[in-house]
Amino acid sequence: MASTVQFDLVSPERRLASYPATEVQIPGAMGDMTVMEGHAPTITALRPGLLKVVGADGTRAYVVTGGFAEISATGISVLAEQAVPLDEMTPAKMDALVSDACEAAAVHSDKDTADKAVADIYAMRATAGI
């Protein structure tokens, strides 16, 4: 059996997941990363994207809009700004995420950062096939 890490995902609305995982793929602000047992302790910001978790029951995916991940050799805790299991994501919910990102970009003082967030949402939408 493959080694596992404890995976926990929470958002302000609810606790979405807490189970052992063999690998967690994170949309990090500085680039994608894969976490497995024995990973060096790290804290990273998240960008909008798909967070994928491989466990005993297969792969589960979650749409995240940002937040932070705290990684240790034995676990990963993700504190997401917004998170929705991919199988609960609807076109209407995705449209709302796009709209929110576009509105935020229109008033954000750092235009480059805001435009990057909008581009990440559109890329996430394409990857998710929604």
N, C-alpha and C. Protein backbone atom coordinates (compact mmCIF):
# COMPACT_ATOMS: atom_id res chain seq x y z
N MET A 1 0.84 -1.18 0.00
CA MET A 1 0.00 0.00 0.00
C MET A 1 0.89 1.25 0.00
N ALA A 2 0.49 2.24 -0.78
CA ALA A 2 1.26 3.48 -0.87
C ALA A 2 1.15 4.26 0.43
N SER A 3 2.18 5.00 0.74
CA SER A 3 2.18 5.84 1.93
C SER A 3 1.18 6.97 1.75
N THR A 4 0.61 7.44 2.86
CA THR A 4 -0.40 8.47 2.78
C THR A 4 -0.06 9.68 3.66
N VAL A 5 -0.72 10.78 3.37
CA VAL A 5 -0.68 11.98 4.18
C VAL A 5 -2.13 12.29 4.57
N GLN A 6 -2.31 12.96 5.69
CA GLN A 6 -3.65 13.38 6.08
C GLN A 6 -4.00 14.63 5.28
N PHE A 7 -5.14 14.61 4.58
CA PHE A 7 -5.58 15.75 3.78
C PHE A 7 -6.81 16.37 4.42
N ASP A 8 -6.77 17.69 4.62
CA ASP A 8 -7.92 18.42 5.16
C ASP A 8 -8.15 19.65 4.29
N LEU A 9 -9.42 19.88 3.92
CA LEU A 9 -9.80 21.03 3.12
C LEU A 9 -10.98 21.72 3.78
N VAL A 10 -10.80 23.00 4.10
CA VAL A 10 -11.88 23.79 4.69
C VAL A 10 -12.02 25.11 3.94
N SER A 11 -13.25 25.60 3.94
CA SER A 11 -13.54 26.93 3.41
C SER A 11 -14.36 27.64 4.48
N PRO A 12 -14.59 28.93 4.33
CA PRO A 12 -15.40 29.62 5.35
C PRO A 12 -16.80 29.02 5.52
N GLU A 13 -17.32 28.42 4.45
CA GLU A 13 -18.67 27.86 4.51
C GLU A 13 -18.75 26.50 5.18
N ARG A 14 -17.71 25.66 4.99
CA ARG A 14 -17.81 24.30 5.50
C ARG A 14 -16.48 23.56 5.40
N ARG A 15 -16.45 22.42 6.09
CA ARG A 15 -15.32 21.49 5.97
C ARG A 15 -15.68 20.56 4.81
N LEU A 16 -14.82 20.55 3.80
CA LEU A 16 -15.13 19.78 2.60
C LEU A 16 -14.53 18.39 2.59
N ALA A 17 -13.38 18.22 3.23
CA ALA A 17 -12.72 16.92 3.16
C ALA A 17 -11.77 16.72 4.32
N SER A 18 -11.64 15.47 4.73
CA SER A 18 -10.67 15.06 5.73
C SER A 18 -10.48 13.56 5.59
N TYR A 19 -9.39 13.16 4.92
CA TYR A 19 -9.13 11.74 4.69
C TYR A 19 -7.68 11.53 4.28
N PRO A 20 -7.18 10.30 4.35
CA PRO A 20 -5.81 10.01 3.92
C PRO A 20 -5.71 10.07 2.39
N ALA A 21 -4.60 10.60 1.91
CA ALA A 21 -4.37 10.71 0.47
C ALA A 21 -2.95 10.25 0.15
N THR A 22 -2.79 9.67 -1.03
CA THR A 22 -1.45 9.28 -1.46
C THR A 22 -0.75 10.43 -2.17
N GLU A 23 -1.56 11.35 -2.74
CA GLU A 23 -0.98 12.51 -3.42
C GLU A 23 -2.03 13.61 -3.52
N VAL A 24 -1.56 14.86 -3.41
CA VAL A 24 -2.43 16.02 -3.53
C VAL A 24 -1.78 16.97 -4.52
N GLN A 25 -2.52 17.33 -5.57
CA GLN A 25 -2.03 18.26 -6.59
C GLN A 25 -2.64 19.63 -6.32
N ILE A 26 -1.76 20.61 -6.08
CA ILE A 26 -2.17 21.92 -5.62
C ILE A 26 -1.91 22.99 -6.69
N PRO A 27 -2.91 23.86 -6.94
CA PRO A 27 -2.64 25.00 -7.82
C PRO A 27 -1.99 26.13 -7.02
N GLY A 28 -0.69 26.04 -6.85
CA GLY A 28 0.05 27.03 -6.07
C GLY A 28 0.18 28.36 -6.81
N ALA A 29 0.28 29.43 -6.06
CA ALA A 29 0.41 30.76 -6.66
C ALA A 29 1.67 30.88 -7.51
N MET A 30 2.72 30.14 -7.14
CA MET A 30 3.98 30.19 -7.89
C MET A 30 4.12 29.01 -8.85
N GLY A 31 3.07 28.21 -9.00
CA GLY A 31 3.09 27.07 -9.90
C GLY A 31 2.47 25.86 -9.25
N ASP A 32 2.08 24.91 -10.06
CA ASP A 32 1.46 23.69 -9.54
C ASP A 32 2.49 22.87 -8.77
N MET A 33 2.01 22.15 -7.76
CA MET A 33 2.89 21.28 -7.00
C MET A 33 2.13 20.03 -6.59
N THR A 34 2.85 18.95 -6.43
CA THR A 34 2.28 17.69 -5.96
C THR A 34 2.90 17.37 -4.61
N VAL A 35 2.03 17.06 -3.65
CA VAL A 35 2.46 16.75 -2.29
C VAL A 35 2.25 15.27 -2.02
N MET A 36 3.28 14.63 -1.48
CA MET A 36 3.21 13.23 -1.08
C MET A 36 3.87 13.11 0.28
N GLU A 37 3.78 11.93 0.89
CA GLU A 37 4.39 11.72 2.19
C GLU A 37 5.88 12.10 2.14
N GLY A 38 6.33 12.75 3.20
CA GLY A 38 7.73 13.13 3.29
C GLY A 38 8.05 14.49 2.69
N HIS A 39 7.04 15.21 2.23
CA HIS A 39 7.27 16.52 1.62
C HIS A 39 7.88 17.47 2.64
N ALA A 40 8.74 18.34 2.19
CA ALA A 40 9.33 19.35 3.06
C ALA A 40 8.24 20.30 3.58
N PRO A 41 8.34 20.73 4.82
CA PRO A 41 7.35 21.68 5.34
C PRO A 41 7.32 22.94 4.49
N THR A 42 6.11 23.32 4.10
CA THR A 42 5.92 24.45 3.20
C THR A 42 4.57 25.11 3.48
N ILE A 43 4.52 26.40 3.30
CA ILE A 43 3.25 27.12 3.27
C ILE A 43 3.21 27.83 1.93
N THR A 44 2.12 27.67 1.19
CA THR A 44 2.01 28.29 -0.12
C THR A 44 0.64 28.92 -0.30
N ALA A 45 0.61 30.00 -1.04
CA ALA A 45 -0.65 30.61 -1.43
C ALA A 45 -1.21 29.82 -2.61
N LEU A 46 -2.53 29.81 -2.73
CA LEU A 46 -3.19 29.13 -3.84
C LEU A 46 -3.67 30.16 -4.86
N ARG A 47 -3.72 29.74 -6.10
CA ARG A 47 -4.35 30.54 -7.15
C ARG A 47 -5.64 29.81 -7.54
N PRO A 48 -6.55 30.46 -8.24
CA PRO A 48 -7.75 29.75 -8.70
C PRO A 48 -7.34 28.55 -9.56
N GLY A 49 -7.95 27.41 -9.27
CA GLY A 49 -7.64 26.21 -10.04
C GLY A 49 -8.30 24.98 -9.46
N LEU A 50 -7.92 23.84 -10.01
CA LEU A 50 -8.42 22.55 -9.53
C LEU A 50 -7.41 21.93 -8.59
N LEU A 51 -7.87 21.57 -7.42
CA LEU A 51 -7.07 20.85 -6.44
C LEU A 51 -7.50 19.39 -6.55
N LYS A 52 -6.57 18.50 -6.85
CA LYS A 52 -6.88 17.08 -7.05
C LYS A 52 -6.24 16.26 -5.94
N VAL A 53 -7.03 15.31 -5.43
CA VAL A 53 -6.58 14.48 -4.32
C VAL A 53 -6.75 13.01 -4.72
N VAL A 54 -5.65 12.28 -4.66
CA VAL A 54 -5.67 10.85 -4.96
C VAL A 54 -5.68 10.09 -3.64
N GLY A 55 -6.70 9.26 -3.45
CA GLY A 55 -6.83 8.49 -2.22
C GLY A 55 -7.27 7.08 -2.53
N ALA A 56 -7.62 6.34 -1.50
CA ALA A 56 -8.04 4.94 -1.66
C ALA A 56 -9.28 4.80 -2.52
N ASP A 57 -10.14 5.84 -2.52
CA ASP A 57 -11.39 5.79 -3.30
C ASP A 57 -11.25 6.40 -4.69
N GLY A 58 -10.03 6.65 -5.13
CA GLY A 58 -9.82 7.27 -6.44
C GLY A 58 -9.44 8.73 -6.31
N THR A 59 -9.62 9.46 -7.40
CA THR A 59 -9.24 10.87 -7.43
C THR A 59 -10.48 11.73 -7.25
N ARG A 60 -10.37 12.70 -6.35
CA ARG A 60 -11.44 13.69 -6.15
C ARG A 60 -10.86 15.05 -6.50
N ALA A 61 -11.68 15.90 -7.11
CA ALA A 61 -11.23 17.23 -7.49
C ALA A 61 -12.12 18.28 -6.85
N TYR A 62 -11.50 19.41 -6.53
CA TYR A 62 -12.19 20.53 -5.90
C TYR A 62 -11.81 21.81 -6.64
N VAL A 63 -12.78 22.66 -6.88
CA VAL A 63 -12.53 23.98 -7.44
C VAL A 63 -12.20 24.90 -6.28
N VAL A 64 -11.04 25.56 -6.34
CA VAL A 64 -10.66 26.53 -5.31
C VAL A 64 -10.37 27.87 -5.99
N THR A 65 -10.68 28.96 -5.28
CA THR A 65 -10.47 30.28 -5.86
C THR A 65 -9.26 30.99 -5.26
N GLY A 66 -8.64 30.40 -4.29
CA GLY A 66 -7.49 30.99 -3.63
C GLY A 66 -7.41 30.47 -2.21
N GLY A 67 -6.48 30.99 -1.44
CA GLY A 67 -6.31 30.55 -0.06
C GLY A 67 -4.87 30.18 0.20
N PHE A 68 -4.68 29.26 1.14
CA PHE A 68 -3.34 28.83 1.54
C PHE A 68 -3.32 27.33 1.79
N ALA A 69 -2.16 26.73 1.63
CA ALA A 69 -1.95 25.33 1.96
C ALA A 69 -0.76 25.25 2.90
N GLU A 70 -0.93 24.50 4.00
CA GLU A 70 0.17 24.24 4.92
C GLU A 70 0.53 22.77 4.77
N ILE A 71 1.78 22.52 4.43
CA ILE A 71 2.24 21.18 4.10
C ILE A 71 3.28 20.74 5.11
N SER A 72 3.15 19.49 5.55
CA SER A 72 4.18 18.89 6.39
C SER A 72 4.49 17.51 5.82
N ALA A 73 5.40 16.80 6.45
CA ALA A 73 5.77 15.47 5.96
C ALA A 73 4.62 14.47 6.09
N THR A 74 3.67 14.75 6.97
CA THR A 74 2.58 13.79 7.23
C THR A 74 1.19 14.31 6.92
N GLY A 75 1.07 15.57 6.50
CA GLY A 75 -0.26 16.09 6.24
C GLY A 75 -0.26 17.37 5.44
N ILE A 76 -1.45 17.68 4.93
CA ILE A 76 -1.66 18.93 4.21
C ILE A 76 -3.01 19.49 4.60
N SER A 77 -3.01 20.76 5.02
CA SER A 77 -4.24 21.47 5.36
C SER A 77 -4.41 22.60 4.37
N VAL A 78 -5.56 22.62 3.70
CA VAL A 78 -5.86 23.67 2.75
C VAL A 78 -6.97 24.54 3.31
N LEU A 79 -6.69 25.83 3.40
CA LEU A 79 -7.66 26.82 3.84
C LEU A 79 -8.03 27.63 2.60
N ALA A 80 -9.18 27.33 2.02
CA ALA A 80 -9.57 27.92 0.75
C ALA A 80 -10.48 29.13 0.94
N GLU A 81 -10.30 30.14 0.10
CA GLU A 81 -11.22 31.29 0.11
C GLU A 81 -12.62 30.80 -0.24
N GLN A 82 -12.71 30.05 -1.32
CA GLN A 82 -13.92 29.37 -1.75
C GLN A 82 -13.50 28.02 -2.27
N ALA A 83 -14.31 27.00 -1.99
CA ALA A 83 -14.02 25.66 -2.50
C ALA A 83 -15.32 24.92 -2.72
N VAL A 84 -15.37 24.21 -3.84
CA VAL A 84 -16.56 23.43 -4.19
C VAL A 84 -16.08 22.12 -4.80
N PRO A 85 -16.62 20.98 -4.34
CA PRO A 85 -16.27 19.73 -5.02
C PRO A 85 -16.63 19.84 -6.50
N LEU A 86 -15.76 19.37 -7.37
CA LEU A 86 -15.98 19.50 -8.80
C LEU A 86 -17.32 18.89 -9.21
N ASP A 87 -17.70 17.78 -8.58
CA ASP A 87 -18.97 17.16 -8.96
C ASP A 87 -20.20 17.96 -8.51
N GLU A 88 -20.01 19.00 -7.69
CA GLU A 88 -21.10 19.89 -7.30
C GLU A 88 -21.08 21.19 -8.09
N MET A 89 -20.05 21.40 -8.90
CA MET A 89 -19.92 22.64 -9.67
C MET A 89 -20.86 22.60 -10.87
N THR A 90 -21.63 23.65 -11.02
CA THR A 90 -22.56 23.77 -12.14
C THR A 90 -22.10 24.93 -13.03
N PRO A 91 -22.60 24.96 -14.27
CA PRO A 91 -22.26 26.11 -15.12
C PRO A 91 -22.66 27.45 -14.48
N ALA A 92 -23.78 27.49 -13.78
CA ALA A 92 -24.21 28.73 -13.13
C ALA A 92 -23.24 29.15 -12.03
N LYS A 93 -22.76 28.19 -11.23
CA LYS A 93 -21.78 28.51 -10.18
C LYS A 93 -20.47 28.98 -10.80
N MET A 94 -20.06 28.34 -11.89
CA MET A 94 -18.83 28.74 -12.56
C MET A 94 -18.98 30.14 -13.15
N ASP A 95 -20.15 30.43 -13.74
CA ASP A 95 -20.41 31.77 -14.26
C ASP A 95 -20.31 32.81 -13.16
N ALA A 96 -20.80 32.48 -11.96
CA ALA A 96 -20.73 33.41 -10.83
C ALA A 96 -19.27 33.65 -10.42
N LEU A 97 -18.44 32.61 -10.43
CA LEU A 97 -17.01 32.79 -10.12
C LEU A 97 -16.33 33.70 -11.14
N VAL A 98 -16.65 33.50 -12.42
CA VAL A 98 -16.08 34.33 -13.48
C VAL A 98 -16.53 35.78 -13.29
N SER A 99 -17.81 35.96 -13.04
CA SER A 99 -18.36 37.31 -12.86
C SER A 99 -17.72 38.01 -11.67
N ASP A 100 -17.59 37.30 -10.54
CA ASP A 100 -16.96 37.87 -9.34
C ASP A 100 -15.52 38.29 -9.62
N ALA A 101 -14.79 37.43 -10.34
CA ALA A 101 -13.39 37.74 -10.65
C ALA A 101 -13.29 38.95 -11.58
N CYS A 102 -14.18 39.04 -12.55
CA CYS A 102 -14.15 40.18 -13.47
C CYS A 102 -14.50 41.48 -12.75
N GLU A 103 -15.49 41.42 -11.84
CA GLU A 103 -15.85 42.61 -11.07
C GLU A 103 -14.70 43.05 -10.17
N ALA A 104 -14.04 42.09 -9.54
CA ALA A 104 -12.91 42.42 -8.67
C ALA A 104 -11.77 43.02 -9.49
N ALA A 105 -11.55 42.51 -10.68
CA ALA A 105 -10.48 43.02 -11.54
C ALA A 105 -10.74 44.46 -11.96
N ALA A 106 -12.01 44.80 -12.11
CA ALA A 106 -12.36 46.15 -12.55
C ALA A 106 -12.02 47.22 -11.51
N VAL A 107 -12.00 46.83 -10.23
CA VAL A 107 -11.75 47.82 -9.17
C VAL A 107 -10.44 47.58 -8.42
N HIS A 108 -9.73 46.53 -8.77
CA HIS A 108 -8.49 46.19 -8.06
C HIS A 108 -7.38 47.17 -8.42
N SER A 109 -6.61 47.58 -7.42
CA SER A 109 -5.53 48.54 -7.65
C SER A 109 -4.35 47.92 -8.39
N ASP A 110 -4.15 46.62 -8.27
CA ASP A 110 -3.07 45.92 -8.97
C ASP A 110 -3.68 45.19 -10.17
N LYS A 111 -3.74 45.89 -11.30
CA LYS A 111 -4.40 45.38 -12.49
C LYS A 111 -3.81 44.05 -12.98
N ASP A 112 -2.50 43.91 -12.93
CA ASP A 112 -1.86 42.68 -13.39
C ASP A 112 -2.30 41.47 -12.57
N THR A 113 -2.30 41.63 -11.24
CA THR A 113 -2.72 40.54 -10.35
C THR A 113 -4.18 40.18 -10.59
N ALA A 114 -5.03 41.20 -10.73
CA ALA A 114 -6.45 40.96 -10.95
C ALA A 114 -6.69 40.27 -12.29
N ASP A 115 -6.00 40.72 -13.33
CA ASP A 115 -6.15 40.08 -14.64
C ASP A 115 -5.66 38.64 -14.62
N LYS A 116 -4.61 38.36 -13.86
CA LYS A 116 -4.10 36.98 -13.72
C LYS A 116 -5.14 36.10 -13.05
N ALA A 117 -5.83 36.63 -12.01
CA ALA A 117 -6.87 35.86 -11.33
C ALA A 117 -8.01 35.52 -12.29
N VAL A 118 -8.40 36.48 -13.12
CA VAL A 118 -9.46 36.23 -14.11
C VAL A 118 -9.00 35.16 -15.10
N ALA A 119 -7.76 35.26 -15.58
CA ALA A 119 -7.23 34.27 -16.52
C ALA A 119 -7.19 32.88 -15.87
N ASP A 120 -6.83 32.82 -14.58
CA ASP A 120 -6.79 31.54 -13.88
C ASP A 120 -8.19 30.92 -13.76
N ILE A 121 -9.20 31.77 -13.53
CA ILE A 121 -10.58 31.27 -13.45
C ILE A 121 -11.00 30.69 -14.80
N TYR A 122 -10.69 31.41 -15.89
CA TYR A 122 -11.03 30.90 -17.22
C TYR A 122 -10.30 29.60 -17.53
N ALA A 123 -9.03 29.50 -17.13
CA ALA A 123 -8.26 28.27 -17.35
C ALA A 123 -8.84 27.13 -16.53
N MET A 124 -9.24 27.42 -15.29
CA MET A 124 -9.85 26.39 -14.44
C MET A 124 -11.15 25.90 -15.08
N ARG A 125 -11.95 26.83 -15.60
CA ARG A 125 -13.21 26.46 -16.25
C ARG A 125 -12.95 25.52 -17.43
N ALA A 126 -11.94 25.82 -18.23
CA ALA A 126 -11.62 24.97 -19.38
C ALA A 126 -11.14 23.59 -18.91
N THR A 127 -10.28 23.57 -17.90
CA THR A 127 -9.77 22.30 -17.38
C THR A 127 -10.89 21.44 -16.81
N ALA A 128 -11.83 22.09 -16.12
CA ALA A 128 -12.95 21.37 -15.50
C ALA A 128 -13.98 20.95 -16.55
N GLY A 129 -13.95 21.55 -17.73
CA GLY A 129 -14.91 21.21 -18.77
C GLY A 129 -16.29 21.73 -18.50
N ILE A 130 -16.38 22.87 -17.80
CA ILE A 130 -17.69 23.43 -17.46
C ILE A 130 -17.90 24.72 -18.25
